[in-house]
C-alpha atoms as a PDB file:
ATOM      1  CA  MET A   1     -17.412  35.803  -9.682  1.00  0.00           C
ATOM      2  CA  ALA A   2     -19.789  33.167 -11.074  1.00  0.00           C
ATOM      3  CA  PRO A   3     -20.141  32.914 -14.854  1.00  0.00           C
ATOM      4  CA  LYS A   4     -23.302  34.118 -16.555  1.00  0.00           C
ATOM      5  CA  ASP A   5     -23.822  30.642 -17.941  1.00  0.00           C
ATOM      6  CA  PRO A   6     -22.760  27.805 -15.558  1.00  0.00           C
ATOM      7  CA  ARG A   7     -23.182  25.381 -18.434  1.00  0.00           C
ATOM      8  CA  LEU A   8     -19.970  26.748 -19.920  1.00  0.00           C
ATOM      9  CA  VAL A   9     -18.023  25.615 -16.848  1.00  0.00           C
ATOM     10  CA  GLU A  10     -19.621  22.161 -17.003  1.00  0.00           C
ATOM     11  CA  ALA A  11     -18.717  21.914 -20.692  1.00  0.00           C
ATOM     12  CA  LEU A  12     -15.107  22.890 -19.954  1.00  0.00           C
ATOM     13  CA  ILE A  13     -14.880  20.282 -17.183  1.00  0.00           C
ATOM     14  CA  GLU A  14     -16.280  17.582 -19.470  1.00  0.00           C
ATOM     15  CA  GLU A  15     -13.871  18.545 -22.241  1.00  0.00           C
ATOM     16  CA  ALA A  16     -10.928  18.564 -19.807  1.00  0.00           C
ATOM     17  CA  GLU A  17     -11.862  15.118 -18.490  1.00  0.00           C
ATOM     18  CA  GLN A  18     -11.990  13.809 -22.053  1.00  0.00           C
ATOM     19  CA  ALA A  19      -8.555  15.310 -22.752  1.00  0.00           C
ATOM     20  CA  LEU A  20      -7.250  13.658 -19.593  1.00  0.00           C
ATOM     21  CA  ASP A  21      -8.653  10.303 -20.736  1.00  0.00           C
ATOM     22  CA  GLU A  22      -6.750  10.823 -23.987  1.00  0.00           C
ATOM     23  CA  ASP A  23      -3.528  11.591 -22.042  1.00  0.00           C
ATOM     24  CA  ASP A  24      -3.512  15.138 -23.414  1.00  0.00           C
ATOM     25  CA  LEU A  25      -2.355  16.627 -20.136  1.00  0.00           C
ATOM     26  CA  LEU A  26      -1.501  20.102 -21.406  1.00  0.00           C
ATOM     27  CA  ARG A  27      -4.910  20.580 -22.975  1.00  0.00           C
ATOM     28  CA  ALA A  28      -6.649  19.196 -19.890  1.00  0.00           C
ATOM     29  CA  GLU A  29      -4.737  21.618 -17.663  1.00  0.00           C
ATOM     30  CA  ALA A  30      -5.581  24.605 -19.865  1.00  0.00           C
ATOM     31  CA  LEU A  31      -9.267  23.680 -19.850  1.00  0.00           C
ATOM     32  CA  ALA A  32      -9.243  23.125 -16.087  1.00  0.00           C
ATOM     33  CA  GLU A  33      -7.669  26.545 -15.526  1.00  0.00           C
ATOM     34  CA  ARG A  34     -10.443  28.153 -17.581  1.00  0.00           C
ATOM     35  CA  ALA A  35     -13.048  26.199 -15.623  1.00  0.00           C
ATOM     36  CA  VAL A  36     -11.809  27.367 -12.206  1.00  0.00           C
ATOM     37  CA  ALA A  37     -11.407  30.929 -13.481  1.00  0.00           C
ATOM     38  CA  LEU A  38     -14.989  31.033 -14.752  1.00  0.00           C
ATOM     39  CA  GLY A  39     -16.433  28.939 -11.944  1.00  0.00           C
ATOM     40  CA  PRO A  40     -14.448  29.686  -8.771  1.00  0.00           C
ATOM     41  CA  HIS A  41     -17.219  28.169  -6.646  1.00  0.00           C
ATOM     42  CA  ASN A  42     -17.653  25.023  -8.732  1.00  0.00           C
ATOM     43  CA  PRO A  43     -16.370  22.043  -6.703  1.00  0.00           C
ATOM     44  CA  ALA A  44     -16.009  19.790  -9.761  1.00  0.00           C
ATOM     45  CA  ALA A  45     -13.645  22.293 -11.386  1.00  0.00           C
ATOM     46  CA  TRP A  46     -11.391  22.345  -8.322  1.00  0.00           C
ATOM     47  CA  LEU A  47     -11.520  18.559  -8.011  1.00  0.00           C
ATOM     48  CA  LEU A  48     -10.376  18.255 -11.604  1.00  0.00           C
ATOM     49  CA  LYS A  49      -7.569  20.734 -11.043  1.00  0.00           C
ATOM     50  CA  GLY A  50      -6.481  18.767  -7.976  1.00  0.00           C
ATOM     51  CA  ASP A  51      -6.428  15.525  -9.968  1.00  0.00           C
ATOM     52  CA  LEU A  52      -4.279  17.152 -12.643  1.00  0.00           C
ATOM     53  CA  LEU A  53      -1.845  18.490 -10.058  1.00  0.00           C
ATOM     54  CA  VAL A  54      -1.547  15.007  -8.548  1.00  0.00           C
ATOM     55  CA  SER A  55      -0.780  13.610 -12.003  1.00  0.00           C
ATOM     56  CA  ARG A  56       2.028  16.184 -12.153  1.00  0.00           C
ATOM     57  CA  GLY A  57       3.344  14.995  -8.795  1.00  0.00           C
ATOM     58  CA  ASP A  58       2.485  18.292  -7.072  1.00  0.00           C
ATOM     59  CA  ARG A  59       0.459  17.039  -4.131  1.00  0.00           C
ATOM     60  CA  GLU A  60       1.057  20.178  -2.059  1.00  0.00           C
ATOM     61  CA  SER A  61      -0.733  22.335  -4.628  1.00  0.00           C
ATOM     62  CA  ALA A  62      -3.310  19.583  -5.161  1.00  0.00           C
ATOM     63  CA  ALA A  63      -4.215  19.710  -1.472  1.00  0.00           C
ATOM     64  CA  GLY A  64      -5.027  23.397  -1.892  1.00  0.00           C
ATOM     65  CA  ALA A  65      -7.244  22.666  -4.897  1.00  0.00           C
ATOM     66  CA  TYR A  66      -9.059  19.869  -3.071  1.00  0.00           C
ATOM     67  CA  ARG A  67      -9.594  22.145  -0.086  1.00  0.00           C
ATOM     68  CA  ARG A  68     -11.209  24.695  -2.407  1.00  0.00           C
ATOM     69  CA  ALA A  69     -13.460  21.922  -3.759  1.00  0.00           C
ATOM     70  CA  ALA A  70     -14.460  20.863  -0.247  1.00  0.00           C
ATOM     71  CA  LEU A  71     -15.195  24.417   0.900  1.00  0.00           C
ATOM     72  CA  ALA A  72     -17.152  25.158  -2.284  1.00  0.00           C
ATOM     73  CA  ALA A  73     -19.602  22.375  -1.366  1.00  0.00           C
ATOM     74  CA  PRO A  74     -19.012  21.446   2.299  1.00  0.00           C
ATOM     75  CA  GLU A  75     -22.195  19.393   2.373  1.00  0.00           C
ATOM     76  CA  LEU A  76     -20.753  16.944  -0.186  1.00  0.00           C
ATOM     77  CA  GLY A  77     -18.316  14.127   0.546  1.00  0.00           C
ATOM     78  CA  PRO A  78     -16.057  13.860  -2.546  1.00  0.00           C
ATOM     79  CA  GLY A  79     -14.137  17.096  -1.985  1.00  0.00           C
ATOM     80  CA  TRP A  80     -13.337  16.210   1.630  1.00  0.00           C
ATOM     81  CA  ALA A  81     -12.452  12.632   0.645  1.00  0.00           C
ATOM     82  CA  ALA A  82     -10.065  13.828  -2.092  1.00  0.00           C
ATOM     83  CA  LEU A  83      -8.471  16.243   0.360  1.00  0.00           C
ATOM     84  CA  ALA A  84      -8.135  13.473   2.958  1.00  0.00           C
ATOM     85  CA  LEU A  85      -6.380  11.135   0.512  1.00  0.00           C
ATOM     86  CA  CYS A  86      -4.019  13.871  -0.653  1.00  0.00           C
ATOM     87  CA  LEU A  87      -3.111  14.807   2.932  1.00  0.00           C
ATOM     88  CA  PHE A  88      -2.556  11.140   3.762  1.00  0.00           C
ATOM     89  CA  GLU A  89      -0.132  10.793   0.861  1.00  0.00           C
ATOM     90  CA  LEU A  90       1.643  13.925   2.104  1.00  0.00           C
ATOM     91  CA  LEU A  91       2.090  12.133   5.485  1.00  0.00           C
ATOM     92  CA  ARG A  92      -0.209  14.657   7.190  1.00  0.00           C
ATOM     93  CA  VAL A  93      -2.229  11.813   8.645  1.00  0.00           C
ATOM     94  CA  ASP A  94      -3.936  13.665  11.512  1.00  0.00           C
ATOM     95  CA  GLU A  95      -5.209  16.298   9.092  1.00  0.00           C
ATOM     96  CA  ALA A  96      -6.278  13.536   6.708  1.00  0.00           C
ATOM     97  CA  SER A  97      -8.273  11.900   9.492  1.00  0.00           C
ATOM     98  CA  VAL A  98     -10.114  15.169  10.222  1.00  0.00           C
ATOM     99  CA  ALA A  99     -10.953  15.669   6.535  1.00  0.00           C
ATOM    100  CA  CYS A 100     -12.081  12.037   6.224  1.00  0.00           C
ATOM    101  CA  SER A 101     -14.389  12.382   9.229  1.00  0.00           C
ATOM    102  CA  ARG A 102     -15.813  15.570   7.725  1.00  0.00           C
ATOM    103  CA  ALA A 103     -16.499  13.690   4.466  1.00  0.00           C
ATOM    104  CA  LEU A 104     -18.383  10.942   6.285  1.00  0.00           C
ATOM    105  CA  ARG A 105     -20.371  13.401   8.380  1.00  0.00           C
ATOM    106  CA  SER A 106     -21.384  15.187   5.184  1.00  0.00           C
ATOM    107  CA  ASP A 107     -22.069  12.008   3.233  1.00  0.00           C
ATOM    108  CA  PRO A 108     -21.995   8.632   5.048  1.00  0.00           C
ATOM    109  CA  SER A 109     -22.413   6.884   1.687  1.00  0.00           C
ATOM    110  CA  CYS A 110     -19.185   8.335   0.221  1.00  0.00           C
ATOM    111  CA  ALA A 111     -17.251   5.184  -0.729  1.00  0.00           C
ATOM    112  CA  GLU A 112     -14.006   7.103  -1.314  1.00  0.00           C
ATOM    113  CA  ALA A 113     -14.082   8.448   2.242  1.00  0.00           C
ATOM    114  CA  TRP A 114     -14.526   4.950   3.669  1.00  0.00           C
ATOM    115  CA  TRP A 115     -11.581   3.773   1.563  1.00  0.00           C
ATOM    116  CA  VAL A 116      -9.385   6.592   2.853  1.00  0.00           C
ATOM    117  CA  ARG A 117     -10.474   5.738   6.391  1.00  0.00           C
ATOM    118  CA  SER A 118      -9.302   2.154   5.767  1.00  0.00           C
ATOM    119  CA  LEU A 119      -5.874   3.485   4.742  1.00  0.00           C
ATOM    120  CA  ILE A 120      -5.582   5.680   7.830  1.00  0.00           C
ATOM    121  CA  ARG A 121      -6.533   2.813  10.122  1.00  0.00           C
ATOM    122  CA  GLU A 122      -4.119   0.465   8.359  1.00  0.00           C
ATOM    123  CA  TRP A 123      -1.340   3.053   8.779  1.00  0.00           C
ATOM    124  CA  ARG A 124      -2.150   3.288  12.486  1.00  0.00           C
ATOM    125  CA  GLY A 125      -2.026  -0.484  12.942  1.00  0.00           C
ATOM    126  CA  ASP A 126      -5.778  -1.023  13.318  1.00  0.00           C
ATOM    127  CA  ALA A 127      -6.107  -4.032  11.000  1.00  0.00           C
ATOM    128  CA  SER A 128      -9.680  -4.936  11.969  1.00  0.00           C
ATOM    129  CA  GLY A 129     -10.858  -1.329  11.685  1.00  0.00           C
ATOM    130  CA  ALA A 130      -9.164  -1.020   8.295  1.00  0.00           C
ATOM    131  CA  ALA A 131     -10.875  -4.200   7.092  1.00  0.00           C
ATOM    132  CA  ARG A 132     -14.309  -2.957   8.192  1.00  0.00           C
ATOM    133  CA  ALA A 133     -13.852   0.384   6.439  1.00  0.00           C
ATOM    134  CA  ARG A 134     -12.545  -1.362   3.315  1.00  0.00           C
ATOM    135  CA  ILE A 135     -15.554  -3.684   3.204  1.00  0.00           C
ATOM    136  CA  HIS A 136     -17.871  -0.702   3.614  1.00  0.00           C
ATOM    137  CA  ALA A 137     -16.195   1.085   0.682  1.00  0.00           C
ATOM    138  CA  HIS A 138     -16.540  -2.055  -1.441  1.00  0.00           C
ATOM    139  CA  SER A 139     -20.230  -2.445  -0.569  1.00  0.00           C
ATOM    140  CA  LEU A 140     -20.927   1.152  -1.608  1.00  0.00           C
ATOM    141  CA  ASP A 141     -18.895   1.098  -4.843  1.00  0.00           C
ATOM    142  CA  PRO A 142     -17.616  -2.390  -5.765  1.00  0.00           C
ATOM    143  CA  GLU A 143     -16.336  -1.265  -9.166  1.00  0.00           C
ATOM    144  CA  GLU A 144     -14.164   1.566  -7.855  1.00  0.00           C
ATOM    145  CA  HIS A 145     -13.137  -0.328  -4.711  1.00  0.00           C
ATOM    146  CA  PRO A 146     -12.908  -4.008  -5.672  1.00  0.00           C
ATOM    147  CA  TYR A 147     -12.348  -6.857  -3.260  1.00  0.00           C
ATOM    148  CA  HIS A 148      -9.062  -6.534  -1.402  1.00  0.00           C
ATOM    149  CA  HIS A 149      -7.072  -9.739  -1.917  1.00  0.00           C
ATOM    150  CA  ASP A 150      -4.857 -10.870   0.916  1.00  0.00           C
ATOM    151  CA  LEU A 151      -2.244 -13.540   1.505  1.00  0.00           C
ATOM    152  CA  HIS A 152      -1.770 -15.809   4.483  1.00  0.00           C
ATOM    153  CA  ASP A 153       1.631 -15.889   6.142  1.00  0.00           C
ATOM    154  CA  ASP A 154       2.273 -19.432   4.912  1.00  0.00           C
ATOM    155  CA  GLU A 155       1.627 -18.353   1.304  1.00  0.00           C
ATOM    156  CA  VAL A 156       4.142 -15.532   1.680  1.00  0.00           C
ATOM    157  CA  ASP A 157       6.698 -17.878   3.249  1.00  0.00           C
ATOM    158  CA  ARG A 158       6.241 -20.382   0.423  1.00  0.00           C
ATOM    159  CA  LEU A 159       6.652 -17.732  -2.268  1.00  0.00           C
ATOM    160  CA  VAL A 160       9.764 -16.289  -0.623  1.00  0.00           C
ATOM    161  CA  SER A 161      11.313 -19.754  -0.355  1.00  0.00           C
ATOM    162  CA  GLU A 162      10.532 -20.524  -4.008  1.00  0.00           C
ATOM    163  CA  ALA A 163      11.973 -17.202  -5.178  1.00  0.00           C
ATOM    164  CA  LEU A 164      15.168 -17.743  -3.213  1.00  0.00           C
ATOM    165  CA  LEU A 165      15.623 -21.194  -4.739  1.00  0.00           C
ATOM    166  CA  GLU A 166      15.714 -19.564  -8.188  1.00  0.00           C
ATOM    167  CA  LEU A 167      18.825 -17.588  -7.239  1.00  0.00           C
ATOM    168  CA  PRO A 168      22.418 -18.760  -7.733  1.00  0.00           C
ATOM    169  CA  PRO A 169      23.889 -20.409  -4.603  1.00  0.00           C
ATOM    170  CA  PRO A 170      26.365 -17.552  -3.910  1.00  0.00           C
ATOM    171  CA  VAL A 171      23.483 -15.058  -3.850  1.00  0.00           C
ATOM    172  CA  ARG A 172      21.442 -17.310  -1.568  1.00  0.00           C
ATOM    173  CA  ASP A 173      24.410 -17.572   0.765  1.00  0.00           C
ATOM    174  CA  ALA A 174      24.787 -13.789   0.850  1.00  0.00           C
ATOM    175  CA  LEU A 175      21.081 -13.431   1.624  1.00  0.00           C
ATOM    176  CA  ALA A 176      21.286 -15.804   4.584  1.00  0.00           C
ATOM    177  CA  GLU A 177      21.872 -12.908   6.978  1.00  0.00           C
ATOM    178  CA  ILE A 178      19.195 -10.658   5.426  1.00  0.00           C
ATOM    179  CA  ALA A 179      15.843 -10.620   7.217  1.00  0.00           C
ATOM    180  CA  ILE A 180      12.783 -10.701   4.956  1.00  0.00           C
ATOM    181  CA  VAL A 181       9.730  -9.291   6.700  1.00  0.00           C
ATOM    182  CA  VAL A 182       6.195  -8.387   5.644  1.00  0.00           C
ATOM    183  CA  GLU A 183       4.369  -5.254   6.803  1.00  0.00           C
ATOM    184  CA  PRO A 184       1.017  -3.783   5.742  1.00  0.00           C
ATOM    185  CA  MET A 185       2.398  -0.359   4.780  1.00  0.00           C
ATOM    186  CA  PRO A 186       5.658   1.608   5.114  1.00  0.00           C
ATOM    187  CA  ASP A 187       6.071   3.723   8.237  1.00  0.00           C
ATOM    188  CA  GLU A 188       6.688   7.452   8.282  1.00  0.00           C
ATOM    189  CA  ALA A 189      10.448   7.142   8.769  1.00  0.00           C
ATOM    190  CA  THR A 190      10.758   4.959   5.675  1.00  0.00           C
ATOM    191  CA  CYS A 191       8.635   7.328   3.576  1.00  0.00           C
ATOM    192  CA  ARG A 192      10.670  10.337   4.730  1.00  0.00           C
ATOM    193  CA  SER A 193      13.964   8.603   3.966  1.00  0.00           C
ATOM    194  CA  TYR A 194      13.323   9.452   0.308  1.00  0.00           C
ATOM    195  CA  ASP A 195      13.813  12.916  -1.186  1.00  0.00           C
ATOM    196  CA  PRO A 196      11.124  14.038  -1.705  1.00  0.00           C
ATOM    197  CA  PRO A 197       9.229  11.847   0.778  1.00  0.00           C
ATOM    198  CA  MET A 198       7.285   8.964  -0.722  1.00  0.00           C
ATOM    199  CA  SER A 199       3.558   8.463  -0.439  1.00  0.00           C
ATOM    200  CA  PRO A 200       2.735   5.537   1.899  1.00  0.00           C
ATOM    201  CA  LEU A 201       0.856   4.006  -1.049  1.00  0.00           C
ATOM    202  CA  ASP A 202       3.726   4.087  -3.551  1.00  0.00           C
ATOM    203  CA  LEU A 203       6.206   1.716  -1.907  1.00  0.00           C
ATOM    204  CA  LEU A 204       5.791  -2.001  -2.578  1.00  0.00           C
ATOM    205  CA  GLY A 205       9.028  -3.011  -0.888  1.00  0.00           C
ATOM    206  CA  CYS A 206      12.211  -1.587   0.551  1.00  0.00           C
ATOM    207  CA  PHE A 207      15.755  -2.705   1.266  1.00  0.00           C
ATOM    208  CA  HIS A 208      17.278  -1.220   4.423  1.00  0.00           C
ATOM    209  CA  GLY A 209      21.032  -1.457   4.887  1.00  0.00           C
ATOM    210  CA  ALA A 210      24.273  -1.431   2.937  1.00  0.00           C
ATOM    211  CA  SER A 211      24.363  -3.284  -0.366  1.00  0.00           C
ATOM    212  CA  LEU A 212      27.090  -5.821  -1.085  1.00  0.00           C
ATOM    213  CA  MET A 213      28.790  -3.172  -3.232  1.00  0.00           C
ATOM    214  CA  GLU A 214      28.830  -0.697  -0.329  1.00  0.00           C
ATOM    215  CA  ARG A 215      30.252  -2.977   2.323  1.00  0.00           C
ATOM    216  CA  SER A 216      33.722  -2.173   3.561  1.00  0.00           C
ATOM    217  CA  LEU A 217      35.988  -3.632   6.228  1.00  0.00           C
ATOM    218  CA  HIS A 218      36.868  -0.048   7.142  1.00  0.00           C
ATOM    219  CA  ASP A 219      33.226   0.829   7.872  1.00  0.00           C
ATOM    220  CA  PRO A 220      31.762  -1.359  10.633  1.00  0.00           C
ATOM    221  CA  TRP A 221      28.298   0.155  10.096  1.00  0.00           C
ATOM    222  CA  SER A 222      28.227  -1.294   6.593  1.00  0.00           C
ATOM    223  CA  GLN A 223      28.592  -4.775   8.075  1.00  0.00           C
ATOM    224  CA  ILE A 224      25.277  -4.610   9.942  1.00  0.00           C
ATOM    225  CA  PRO A 225      22.860  -7.115   8.336  1.00  0.00           C
ATOM    226  CA  GLY A 226      20.197  -5.497   6.195  1.00  0.00           C
ATOM    227  CA  GLU A 227      16.489  -6.134   5.892  1.00  0.00           C
ATOM    228  CA  ILE A 228      14.046  -6.513   3.014  1.00  0.00           C
ATOM    229  CA  THR A 229      10.504  -5.400   3.787  1.00  0.00           C
ATOM    230  CA  LEU A 230       7.532  -6.252   1.593  1.00  0.00           C
ATOM    231  CA  TYR A 231       4.394  -4.102   1.991  1.00  0.00           C
ATOM    232  CA  LYS A 232       1.543  -6.538   1.636  1.00  0.00           C
ATOM    233  CA  GLY A 233      -1.237  -3.955   1.836  1.00  0.00           C
ATOM    234  CA  ASN A 234       0.136  -1.931  -1.076  1.00  0.00           C
ATOM    235  CA  LEU A 235       0.787  -5.072  -3.098  1.00  0.00           C
ATOM    236  CA  SER A 236      -2.783  -6.222  -2.467  1.00  0.00           C
ATOM    237  CA  ARG A 237      -4.206  -2.900  -3.646  1.00  0.00           C
ATOM    238  CA  LEU A 238      -2.215  -3.221  -6.863  1.00  0.00           C
ATOM    239  CA  ALA A 239      -3.394  -6.733  -7.747  1.00  0.00           C
ATOM    240  CA  ASN A 240      -6.652  -7.689  -9.433  1.00  0.00           C
ATOM    241  CA  ASP A 241      -6.612 -11.273  -8.210  1.00  0.00           C
ATOM    242  CA  ARG A 242      -4.656 -13.632  -5.974  1.00  0.00           C
ATOM    243  CA  GLN A 243      -2.325 -14.883  -8.703  1.00  0.00           C
ATOM    244  CA  GLU A 244      -1.433 -11.336  -9.728  1.00  0.00           C
ATOM    245  CA  LEU A 245      -0.730 -10.580  -6.072  1.00  0.00           C
ATOM    246  CA  LEU A 246       1.599 -13.579  -5.824  1.00  0.00           C
ATOM    247  CA  ASP A 247       3.368 -12.567  -9.038  1.00  0.00           C
ATOM    248  CA  GLN A 248       3.795  -8.968  -7.912  1.00  0.00           C
ATOM    249  CA  LEU A 249       5.085 -10.016  -4.497  1.00  0.00           C
ATOM    250  CA  ARG A 250       7.700 -12.208  -6.190  1.00  0.00           C
ATOM    251  CA  ILE A 251       8.788  -9.392  -8.526  1.00  0.00           C
ATOM    252  CA  THR A 252       9.032  -6.976  -5.613  1.00  0.00           C
ATOM    253  CA  LEU A 253      11.112  -9.419  -3.586  1.00  0.00           C
ATOM    254  CA  LEU A 254      13.536  -9.906  -6.489  1.00  0.00           C
ATOM    255  CA  HIS A 255      13.626  -6.126  -7.004  1.00  0.00           C
ATOM    256  CA  GLU A 256      14.732  -5.557  -3.408  1.00  0.00           C
ATOM    257  CA  ILE A 257      17.241  -8.412  -3.622  1.00  0.00           C
ATOM    258  CA  GLY A 258      18.614  -6.541  -6.624  1.00  0.00           C
ATOM    259  CA  HIS A 259      19.117  -3.457  -4.449  1.00  0.00           C
ATOM    260  CA  PHE A 260      20.911  -5.626  -1.887  1.00  0.00           C
ATOM    261  CA  LEU A 261      23.233  -6.802  -4.653  1.00  0.00           C
ATOM    262  CA  GLY A 262      23.931  -3.183  -5.622  1.00  0.00           C
ATOM    263  CA  LEU A 263      21.779  -2.867  -8.755  1.00  0.00           C
ATOM    264  CA  ASP A 264      20.204   0.516  -9.450  1.00  0.00           C
ATOM    265  CA  GLU A 265      16.705   1.201 -10.844  1.00  0.00           C
ATOM    266  CA  ASP A 266      17.902   1.166 -14.476  1.00  0.00           C
ATOM    267  CA  ASP A 267      19.575  -2.220 -13.967  1.00  0.00           C
ATOM    268  CA  LEU A 268      16.399  -3.597 -12.420  1.00  0.00           C
ATOM    269  CA  GLU A 269      14.231  -2.206 -15.215  1.00  0.00           C
ATOM    270  CA  ASP A 270      16.489  -3.899 -17.779  1.00  0.00           C
ATOM    271  CA  ARG A 271      15.826  -7.185 -15.967  1.00  0.00           C
ATOM    272  CA  GLY A 272      12.052  -6.651 -15.935  1.00  0.00           C
ATOM    273  CA  LEU A 273      11.980  -6.023 -12.189  1.00  0.00           C
ATOM    274  CA  ASP A 274      10.731  -2.430 -12.187  1.00  0.00           C
END
């Protein structure tokens, strides 16, 4: 049932957003709950609730909130775009594509929807289509979707070589059999190898295989050479400029080498490689 005074809902949403900006998550959540209770047909209230659920790591519930936002105002793009991104991060890519298309049919100028479309196309291996959608998102909202920095293969090769030269010779020797490859984004199998599954946007790199600490002469499977994969698309989205991208790629490479050596996340954090 709609409130007698819709301005109350708008005031609650504004207050909740301010609390969120101040990192007062509990207060923001309480205000958002009041907003959706008083304004069950207010898309902004449901969008805010979805954002708060994402910040809690509950994307399943967030998808439901974003769906309510989209259905509350199906003629607007932001609700559909938020739903599409959430579904994409839940690895429900076909559903994400449908929601993204709905966003762009409702509002062709929705920059967020074009950005999500670029992610879906990148995931599906359509590099040129992803680039076009990314450029479109940037042209519509350059502040929210800044220029996407990229690296040429020779730059990546040079950085990898330089990083390896920093390592002690015994470590370099051990890495001789480890393949180092670059991909745009992790595939579904890699994301689902984590418990719970990882968002395709959260992984910057991954080491596949047995670490040096896990190898055993009694386990032939542990002797199979491993592989370090760097996800250039995710690294590019994280960086503000080319130098930051190079720095982050180096840190990620050393992080995954650490996993190969048998270091856990706490060890890597202590070494500034988190």
